[in-house]
Amino acid sequence: MAVITAPASLPRDASSAVAGWLFTVAGLVAAMILIGGITRLTDSGLSMVEWRPWSGILPPLSQAEWQRVFALYQESPEFRHLNFWMSLDDFKRIFWWEFIHRVWGRLIGLAYGLPLLWFWWRGAIPANLKPRVLLLLLLGGAQGVIGWWMVKSGLVNDPAVSQYRLAAHLMMAMLILGLLLWTGLDARGAAARITGDGAMPIDPRARRGALVCLVLLVTTIAAGAFVAGLDAGLAYNTFPLMDGQWVPPGYLDQAPWWRNHLENTASVQFNHRLLATVTAVAIIANWFSLRRRPVAARARRWAALAAALAGGQFTLGVAVILLAVPVALGALHQLMAVALFAAMVTMVHGLVRPARG
């Protein structure tokens, strides 16, 4: 009986192929975050009230199936309290975004799982990255469960998903995206390409500054998830003042005090504005700082890109508030956040990983 074994030798560019695969999946995850944002902005997220991980890959293919899916939706709190006016054609318009969102998640699973098996069998994945690629597989599966857990919160009494579950869903997506990028950069040796050929040591102050900026950015994105979960962007559509004041009335109305930062519309929007301002200033200041520090030119270029994106994202955020969150600008705001996060992760990677020649 023939025994199938992996090849004894690997192509010299095996790690580049692994990196390309991880970056491709990262792109799919970034697109998924955008699709999720559009699904939220178009109020489509509660249109599918059943979770069918396998058979759900196909949309309704007959009028009878459309009627069945619509009848299920008609029993949901969202239809009974908000969308009771909808016809089947109206329902289809919100159904498609949620359907695309769920199918895209399955596509990511295939795009990650099948190449993972191939690269693993070929021995192309470096030993130090194997625990991480397995962790990513587990996180992807957990994200699907979190997504359904989020949707279920809006199918009980109140036709709105929990802002806590929405934030958990978004932050898991950002964690997966960051880990994909970091692992891909490790796989192709991006640290050496960004920081130099090994002769230039990493400046610890530059590293600390970049890490602080990344933490601020992640915190701001998390705060934005609470804004989205509470529809807080539809209130206080002025800038820089809120209801004519720097700190909005009712900022700390709820008790205990900490609930305001998670459940009070005024507090949640104010906190997001403040964090966005501090984060944009910090990222731009970090770029100026790196220009005077002994870091490689590529690190400065990533910092410059992050600074430009931070300025653009702040300006876009103001426009989103002033125009009461139009779908197109809201979606662009989410996409810009993803781009800024990716640029920051890449820059921080280059300032944390020591260069090896």
Protein backbone atom coordinates (compact mmCIF):
# COMPACT_ATOMS: atom_id res chain seq x y z
CA MET A 1 0.00 0.00 0.00
CA ALA A 2 1.38 3.39 -0.99
CA VAL A 3 1.92 5.86 1.81
CA ILE A 4 1.36 9.54 1.05
CA THR A 5 3.93 11.76 2.73
CA ALA A 6 4.65 15.44 2.58
CA PRO A 7 7.52 16.51 0.33
CA ALA A 8 10.91 16.40 1.98
CA SER A 9 11.87 19.82 0.65
CA LEU A 10 9.86 23.00 0.28
CA PRO A 11 10.05 25.84 -2.22
CA ARG A 12 12.20 28.68 -1.00
CA ASP A 13 9.22 31.02 -1.18
CA ALA A 14 6.94 28.83 0.97
CA SER A 15 6.78 31.42 3.74
CA SER A 16 5.85 34.08 1.19
CA ALA A 17 2.97 31.89 0.03
CA VAL A 18 1.80 31.51 3.63
CA ALA A 19 2.05 35.26 4.11
CA GLY A 20 0.07 35.89 0.93
CA TRP A 21 -2.65 33.52 2.12
CA LEU A 22 -2.90 35.26 5.51
CA PHE A 23 -2.99 38.72 3.92
CA THR A 24 -5.73 37.57 1.54
CA VAL A 25 -7.84 36.32 4.43
CA ALA A 26 -7.15 39.60 6.25
CA GLY A 27 -8.56 41.42 3.22
CA LEU A 28 -11.67 39.24 3.36
CA VAL A 29 -12.06 40.01 7.07
CA ALA A 30 -11.71 43.75 6.36
CA ALA A 31 -14.45 43.44 3.73
CA MET A 32 -16.54 41.51 6.26
CA ILE A 33 -16.27 44.37 8.75
CA LEU A 34 -17.44 46.78 6.05
CA ILE A 35 -20.37 44.53 5.11
CA GLY A 36 -21.26 44.23 8.79
CA GLY A 37 -21.25 48.01 9.09
CA ILE A 38 -23.57 48.38 6.11
CA THR A 39 -25.83 45.68 7.54
CA ARG A 40 -26.05 47.66 10.76
CA LEU A 41 -26.56 51.02 9.03
CA THR A 42 -29.37 49.67 6.83
CA ASP A 43 -31.12 48.02 9.82
CA SER A 44 -30.79 44.64 8.14
CA GLY A 45 -29.20 42.64 10.94
CA LEU A 46 -32.40 41.15 12.37
CA SER A 47 -33.96 40.14 9.05
CA MET A 48 -32.80 36.50 9.30
CA VAL A 49 -34.26 35.02 12.47
CA GLU A 50 -32.88 31.50 12.10
CA TRP A 51 -29.32 30.23 12.08
CA ARG A 52 -28.59 27.44 9.63
CA PRO A 53 -24.80 27.09 9.42
CA TRP A 54 -24.84 24.62 6.51
CA SER A 55 -28.07 24.99 4.55
CA GLY A 56 -28.01 28.76 5.02
CA ILE A 57 -25.41 29.07 2.29
CA LEU A 58 -28.24 29.33 -0.25
CA PRO A 59 -30.84 32.13 -0.36
CA PRO A 60 -34.56 31.39 -0.80
CA LEU A 61 -34.94 29.91 -4.29
CA SER A 62 -38.72 29.81 -4.61
CA GLN A 63 -41.66 32.00 -3.78
CA ALA A 64 -42.77 29.50 -1.16
CA GLU A 65 -39.38 29.68 0.56
CA TRP A 66 -39.46 33.49 0.49
CA GLN A 67 -42.89 33.39 2.09
CA ARG A 68 -41.63 30.99 4.78
CA VAL A 69 -38.64 33.21 5.65
CA PHE A 70 -40.83 36.32 5.65
CA ALA A 71 -43.39 34.63 7.89
CA LEU A 72 -40.64 33.89 10.41
CA TYR A 73 -39.56 37.51 10.32
CA GLN A 74 -43.16 38.65 10.84
CA GLU A 75 -43.10 36.88 14.21
CA SER A 76 -40.03 38.84 15.36
CA PRO A 77 -40.17 41.89 17.65
CA GLU A 78 -38.66 44.09 14.93
CA PHE A 79 -41.52 43.41 12.52
CA ARG A 80 -44.23 43.62 15.18
CA HIS A 81 -42.98 46.88 16.70
CA LEU A 82 -41.20 48.68 13.85
CA ASN A 83 -41.54 47.16 10.40
CA PHE A 84 -45.17 46.01 10.43
CA TRP A 85 -45.70 48.02 7.24
CA MET A 86 -43.27 45.89 5.21
CA SER A 87 -44.31 43.83 2.21
CA LEU A 88 -42.32 40.88 0.95
CA ASP A 89 -40.46 43.13 -1.50
CA ASP A 90 -39.53 45.53 1.32
CA PHE A 91 -38.31 42.60 3.38
CA LYS A 92 -36.07 41.37 0.57
CA ARG A 93 -34.17 44.67 0.58
CA ILE A 94 -33.04 44.20 4.18
CA PHE A 95 -32.68 40.42 3.88
CA TRP A 96 -29.92 40.55 1.28
CA TRP A 97 -27.39 42.50 3.35
CA GLU A 98 -27.68 40.12 6.30
CA PHE A 99 -27.54 37.15 3.93
CA ILE A 100 -24.37 38.48 2.26
CA HIS A 101 -22.87 39.11 5.70
CA ARG A 102 -23.44 35.52 6.78
CA VAL A 103 -22.31 33.95 3.50
CA TRP A 104 -19.17 36.09 3.52
CA GLY A 105 -18.35 34.60 6.93
CA ARG A 106 -18.59 31.11 5.46
CA LEU A 107 -16.38 32.21 2.56
CA ILE A 108 -13.74 33.38 5.04
CA GLY A 109 -13.93 29.99 6.76
CA LEU A 110 -13.25 28.19 3.50
CA ALA A 111 -10.55 30.65 2.44
CA TYR A 112 -8.78 30.06 5.74
CA GLY A 113 -9.46 26.39 6.48
CA LEU A 114 -8.68 24.76 3.13
CA PRO A 115 -5.29 26.45 2.54
CA LEU A 116 -4.45 25.81 6.19
CA LEU A 117 -4.80 22.07 5.59
CA TRP A 118 -2.69 22.29 2.45
CA PHE A 119 0.10 24.38 3.97
CA TRP A 120 0.14 22.21 7.08
CA TRP A 121 0.47 19.02 5.02
CA ARG A 122 3.23 20.62 2.93
CA GLY A 123 5.10 21.64 6.07
CA ALA A 124 5.12 25.23 4.88
CA ILE A 125 3.98 26.78 8.16
CA PRO A 126 6.90 27.63 10.46
CA ALA A 127 6.72 25.78 13.77
CA ASN A 128 6.56 28.98 15.82
CA LEU A 129 3.46 30.11 13.89
CA LYS A 130 1.50 26.86 14.13
CA PRO A 131 -0.12 27.65 17.51
CA ARG A 132 -1.19 31.04 16.15
CA VAL A 133 -2.79 29.75 12.96
CA LEU A 134 -4.71 27.18 15.01
CA LEU A 135 -5.81 29.92 17.40
CA LEU A 136 -7.07 31.93 14.43
CA LEU A 137 -9.12 28.93 13.33
CA LEU A 138 -10.74 28.75 16.77
CA LEU A 139 -11.34 32.50 16.88
CA GLY A 140 -13.06 32.36 13.49
CA GLY A 141 -15.44 29.68 14.71
CA ALA A 142 -16.08 31.61 17.91
CA GLN A 143 -16.86 34.72 15.88
CA GLY A 144 -19.69 32.93 14.10
CA VAL A 145 -21.18 31.93 17.46
CA ILE A 146 -20.78 35.48 18.79
CA GLY A 147 -22.54 36.83 15.70
CA TRP A 148 -25.60 34.64 16.28
CA TRP A 149 -25.48 35.42 20.03
CA MET A 150 -25.59 39.10 19.07
CA VAL A 151 -28.54 38.67 16.70
CA LYS A 152 -30.50 36.67 19.28
CA SER A 153 -30.41 39.64 21.67
CA GLY A 154 -32.71 41.49 19.26
CA LEU A 155 -35.14 38.60 18.75
CA VAL A 156 -36.56 38.43 22.27
CA ASN A 157 -38.47 41.54 23.35
CA ASP A 158 -36.71 44.72 22.33
CA PRO A 159 -35.98 44.83 18.55
CA ALA A 160 -32.41 46.01 19.00
CA VAL A 161 -29.21 44.06 19.46
CA SER A 162 -27.30 44.51 22.70
CA GLN A 163 -24.56 47.11 22.40
CA TYR A 164 -22.39 44.85 24.56
CA ARG A 165 -22.74 41.95 22.12
CA LEU A 166 -22.25 44.24 19.13
CA ALA A 167 -19.03 45.55 20.67
CA ALA A 168 -17.86 41.99 21.39
CA HIS A 169 -18.59 41.01 17.77
CA LEU A 170 -16.69 43.97 16.33
CA MET A 171 -13.72 43.66 18.67
CA MET A 172 -13.40 39.96 17.91
CA ALA A 173 -13.29 40.87 14.21
CA MET A 174 -10.56 43.44 14.90
CA LEU A 175 -8.61 40.91 16.97
CA ILE A 176 -8.79 38.38 14.13
CA LEU A 177 -7.75 41.01 11.59
CA GLY A 178 -4.82 42.16 13.71
CA LEU A 179 -3.63 38.62 14.39
CA LEU A 180 -3.87 37.74 10.68
CA LEU A 181 -1.79 40.77 9.73
CA TRP A 182 0.77 40.22 12.50
CA THR A 183 1.17 36.54 11.64
CA GLY A 184 1.41 37.32 7.94
CA LEU A 185 4.09 39.91 8.61
CA ASP A 186 5.98 37.39 10.72
CA ALA A 187 5.67 34.78 7.96
CA ARG A 188 7.31 36.93 5.34
CA GLY A 189 9.86 38.53 7.64
CA ALA A 190 8.32 42.00 7.33
CA ALA A 191 10.15 43.23 10.42
CA ALA A 192 13.48 43.16 8.59
CA ARG A 193 11.95 44.96 5.59
CA ILE A 194 10.46 47.76 7.71
CA THR A 195 13.16 48.41 10.30
CA GLY A 196 16.24 47.76 8.20
CA ASP A 197 18.73 44.97 7.63
CA GLY A 198 19.48 44.22 11.26
CA ALA A 199 22.13 46.91 11.81
CA MET A 200 19.64 49.48 13.12
CA PRO A 201 18.40 48.70 16.67
CA ILE A 202 14.81 49.48 17.59
CA ASP A 203 14.31 52.73 19.50
CA PRO A 204 12.41 51.76 22.71
CA ARG A 205 10.76 55.18 22.97
CA ALA A 206 9.50 54.91 19.41
CA ARG A 207 8.14 51.45 20.21
CA ARG A 208 6.34 52.64 23.34
CA GLY A 209 4.83 55.62 21.55
CA ALA A 210 3.50 53.44 18.72
CA LEU A 211 2.00 50.94 21.18
CA VAL A 212 0.24 53.73 23.08
CA CYS A 213 -1.25 54.99 19.81
CA LEU A 214 -2.46 51.50 18.90
CA VAL A 215 -4.10 51.04 22.31
CA LEU A 216 -5.83 54.41 21.94
CA LEU A 217 -7.07 53.46 18.49
CA VAL A 218 -8.49 50.12 19.65
CA THR A 219 -10.21 51.84 22.58
CA THR A 220 -11.73 54.42 20.21
CA ILE A 221 -13.01 51.69 17.89
CA ALA A 222 -14.56 49.88 20.86
CA ALA A 223 -16.24 53.13 21.92
CA GLY A 224 -17.55 53.49 18.37
CA ALA A 225 -19.20 50.09 18.66
CA PHE A 226 -21.20 51.36 21.64
CA VAL A 227 -22.17 54.45 19.64
CA ALA A 228 -23.47 52.16 16.90
CA GLY A 229 -25.19 49.83 19.35
CA LEU A 230 -27.11 52.68 20.98
CA ASP A 231 -27.71 54.60 17.72
CA ALA A 232 -26.00 57.45 19.54
CA GLY A 233 -24.82 58.97 16.28
CA LEU A 234 -28.39 60.07 15.59
CA ALA A 235 -28.33 62.38 18.62
CA TYR A 236 -26.37 65.61 19.16
CA ASN A 237 -25.74 66.26 15.47
CA THR A 238 -23.60 69.33 16.05
CA PHE A 239 -19.87 69.79 16.45
CA PRO A 240 -17.88 70.59 18.53
CA LEU A 241 -20.65 71.43 21.03
CA MET A 242 -23.33 68.95 22.11
CA ASP A 243 -26.69 70.57 22.83
CA GLY A 244 -24.86 73.89 23.05
CA GLN A 245 -22.35 72.69 25.66
CA TRP A 246 -18.91 71.12 25.65
CA VAL A 247 -20.08 68.36 27.99
CA PRO A 248 -23.67 67.37 27.17
CA PRO A 249 -26.43 67.65 29.76
CA GLY A 250 -27.13 64.31 31.41
CA TYR A 251 -23.57 63.07 30.95
CA LEU A 252 -23.61 61.26 34.32
CA ASP A 253 -27.35 60.90 34.90
CA GLN A 254 -27.38 57.13 35.39
CA ALA A 255 -26.35 55.22 38.49
CA PRO A 256 -24.00 53.64 39.16
CA TRP A 257 -21.75 56.11 37.35
CA TRP A 258 -19.96 53.55 35.16
CA ARG A 259 -23.20 52.60 33.37
CA ASN A 260 -23.20 56.01 31.71
CA HIS A 261 -20.15 55.08 29.66
CA LEU A 262 -21.88 51.97 28.33
CA GLU A 263 -25.59 52.80 28.24
CA ASN A 264 -26.05 56.59 28.28
CA THR A 265 -26.34 58.01 24.76
CA ALA A 266 -24.87 61.40 25.73
CA SER A 267 -21.91 59.85 27.56
CA VAL A 268 -21.19 57.27 24.88
CA GLN A 269 -21.12 59.81 22.05
CA PHE A 270 -19.08 62.34 24.05
CA ASN A 271 -16.54 59.66 25.02
CA HIS A 272 -16.16 58.56 21.41
CA ARG A 273 -15.62 62.16 20.28
CA LEU A 274 -13.03 62.75 23.00
CA LEU A 275 -11.20 59.49 22.35
CA ALA A 276 -11.21 60.12 18.59
CA THR A 277 -9.68 63.56 19.11
CA VAL A 278 -6.97 62.30 21.47
CA THR A 279 -6.20 59.33 19.19
CA ALA A 280 -5.91 61.44 16.03
CA VAL A 281 -3.60 63.93 17.78
CA ALA A 282 -1.48 61.11 19.23
CA ILE A 283 -1.07 59.31 15.89
CA ILE A 284 -0.12 62.54 14.10
CA ALA A 285 2.29 63.46 16.92
CA ASN A 286 3.79 59.96 16.69
CA TRP A 287 4.54 60.56 13.01
CA PHE A 288 6.35 63.82 13.84
CA SER A 289 8.25 62.04 16.61
CA LEU A 290 9.41 59.20 14.35
CA ARG A 291 10.77 61.69 11.84
CA ARG A 292 13.37 62.67 14.44
CA ARG A 293 14.19 59.18 15.68
CA PRO A 294 16.68 56.62 14.33
CA VAL A 295 14.15 54.36 12.63
CA ALA A 296 14.10 53.11 9.08
CA ALA A 297 12.43 55.13 6.34
CA ARG A 298 9.70 52.54 5.89
CA ALA A 299 8.66 52.89 9.52
CA ARG A 300 8.30 56.62 8.96
CA ARG A 301 6.23 56.01 5.84
CA TRP A 302 3.82 53.75 7.74
CA ALA A 303 3.59 56.41 10.44
CA ALA A 304 2.89 59.06 7.79
CA LEU A 305 0.16 56.92 6.25
CA ALA A 306 -1.38 56.33 9.69
CA ALA A 307 -1.28 60.08 10.40
CA ALA A 308 -3.02 60.88 7.11
CA LEU A 309 -5.66 58.23 7.76
CA ALA A 310 -6.18 59.47 11.32
CA GLY A 311 -6.76 63.03 10.10
CA GLY A 312 -9.11 61.82 7.39
CA GLN A 313 -10.97 59.56 9.81
CA PHE A 314 -11.49 62.39 12.31
CA THR A 315 -12.81 64.70 9.58
CA LEU A 316 -15.08 61.96 8.27
CA GLY A 317 -16.38 61.29 11.77
CA VAL A 318 -17.38 64.93 12.15
CA ALA A 319 -19.21 64.78 8.81
CA VAL A 320 -21.02 61.61 9.88
CA ILE A 321 -22.25 63.35 13.04
CA LEU A 322 -23.30 66.56 11.28
CA LEU A 323 -25.22 64.65 8.59
CA ALA A 324 -26.88 62.23 11.07
CA VAL A 325 -25.07 59.10 9.88
CA PRO A 326 -25.89 58.63 6.19
CA VAL A 327 -25.27 55.03 5.13
CA ALA A 328 -22.51 55.79 2.62
CA LEU A 329 -20.49 57.99 4.98
CA GLY A 330 -21.09 55.66 7.93
CA ALA A 331 -19.78 52.72 5.92
CA LEU A 332 -16.77 54.74 4.75
CA HIS A 333 -16.08 55.71 8.38
CA GLN A 334 -15.98 52.04 9.33
CA LEU A 335 -13.75 51.17 6.37
CA MET A 336 -11.36 54.02 7.23
CA ALA A 337 -11.11 52.71 10.79
CA VAL A 338 -10.09 49.31 9.44
CA ALA A 339 -7.49 50.86 7.14
CA LEU A 340 -6.07 52.95 9.99
CA PHE A 341 -5.95 49.91 12.26
CA ALA A 342 -4.11 47.88 9.59
CA ALA A 343 -1.57 50.67 9.06
CA MET A 344 -0.97 50.97 12.80
CA VAL A 345 -0.55 47.22 13.27
CA THR A 346 1.99 47.12 10.44
CA MET A 347 3.92 50.07 11.84
CA VAL A 348 3.93 48.68 15.38
CA HIS A 349 5.05 45.28 14.08
CA GLY A 350 8.07 46.90 12.48
CA LEU A 351 8.94 48.72 15.70
CA VAL A 352 8.50 45.71 17.97
CA ARG A 353 10.02 42.84 16.00
CA PRO A 354 13.84 43.04 15.91
CA ALA A 355 15.30 43.03 12.42
CA ARG A 356 17.21 39.92 11.36
CA GLY A 357 19.44 40.23 8.37
